[in-house]
């Protein structure tokens, strides 16, 4: 299902909508842009793996 074109389009549209909402929040002053710290990036692969594993082994 992950390789399905509609899944990829939907994921891209979702990410674009989230980024646009964040950009509007920052532009209006409701939020503040906080850059990533290099030491925080060490957790990114683990978080991605946990999300993927949680999606693969869903409870019905």
Protein backbone atom coordinates (compact mmCIF):
# COMPACT_ATOMS: atom_id res chain seq x y z
CA UNK A 1 0.00 0.00 0.00
CA UNK A 2 2.91 2.35 0.68
CA UNK A 3 3.99 2.33 -2.97
CA UNK A 4 0.54 3.22 -4.25
CA UNK A 5 0.58 6.54 -6.17
CA UNK A 6 -2.45 7.96 -4.35
CA UNK A 7 -0.79 7.23 -1.01
CA UNK A 8 2.30 9.15 -2.10
CA UNK A 9 0.24 12.07 -3.41
CA UNK A 10 -1.82 12.15 -0.22
CA UNK A 11 1.31 12.10 1.93
CA UNK A 12 2.82 14.93 -0.07
CA UNK A 13 -0.33 17.03 0.16
CA UNK A 14 -0.52 16.43 3.91
CA UNK A 15 3.10 17.46 4.47
CA UNK A 16 2.60 20.55 2.28
CA UNK A 17 -0.51 21.55 4.25
CA UNK A 18 1.29 21.13 7.58
CA UNK A 19 4.29 23.16 6.39
CA UNK A 20 2.00 25.90 5.05
CA UNK A 21 0.11 26.07 8.35
CA UNK A 22 3.39 26.29 10.26
CA UNK A 23 4.66 29.04 7.94
CA UNK A 24 1.47 31.06 8.44
CA UNK A 25 1.73 30.66 12.22
CA UNK A 26 5.33 31.88 12.19
CA UNK A 27 4.50 34.77 9.84
CA UNK A 28 1.62 35.91 12.07
CA UNK A 29 3.74 35.71 15.20
CA UNK A 30 1.69 32.94 16.78
CA UNK A 31 4.64 30.56 16.69
CA UNK A 32 8.41 30.81 16.69
CA UNK A 33 10.76 28.94 14.34
CA UNK A 34 13.18 26.84 16.36
CA UNK A 35 16.06 25.38 14.34
CA UNK A 36 17.07 21.77 14.83
CA UNK A 37 20.05 21.12 17.04
CA UNK A 38 22.48 18.51 15.62
CA UNK A 39 22.35 16.41 18.79
CA UNK A 40 18.54 16.18 18.49
CA UNK A 41 18.80 14.59 15.04
CA UNK A 42 20.17 11.37 16.52
CA UNK A 43 16.61 10.44 17.55
CA UNK A 44 15.08 11.04 14.10
CA UNK A 45 15.83 7.57 12.62
CA UNK A 46 14.46 5.93 15.78
CA UNK A 47 11.26 7.95 15.65
CA UNK A 48 10.77 7.13 11.95
CA UNK A 49 11.35 3.42 12.65
CA UNK A 50 8.85 3.43 15.54
CA UNK A 51 6.21 5.13 13.39
CA UNK A 52 6.71 2.65 10.55
CA UNK A 53 6.63 -0.36 12.90
CA UNK A 54 3.47 0.97 14.58
CA UNK A 55 1.80 1.29 11.17
CA UNK A 56 2.86 -2.19 10.07
CA UNK A 57 1.65 -3.93 13.22
CA UNK A 58 -1.66 -2.15 13.78
CA UNK A 59 -4.23 -3.59 16.15
CA UNK A 60 -7.62 -3.98 14.50
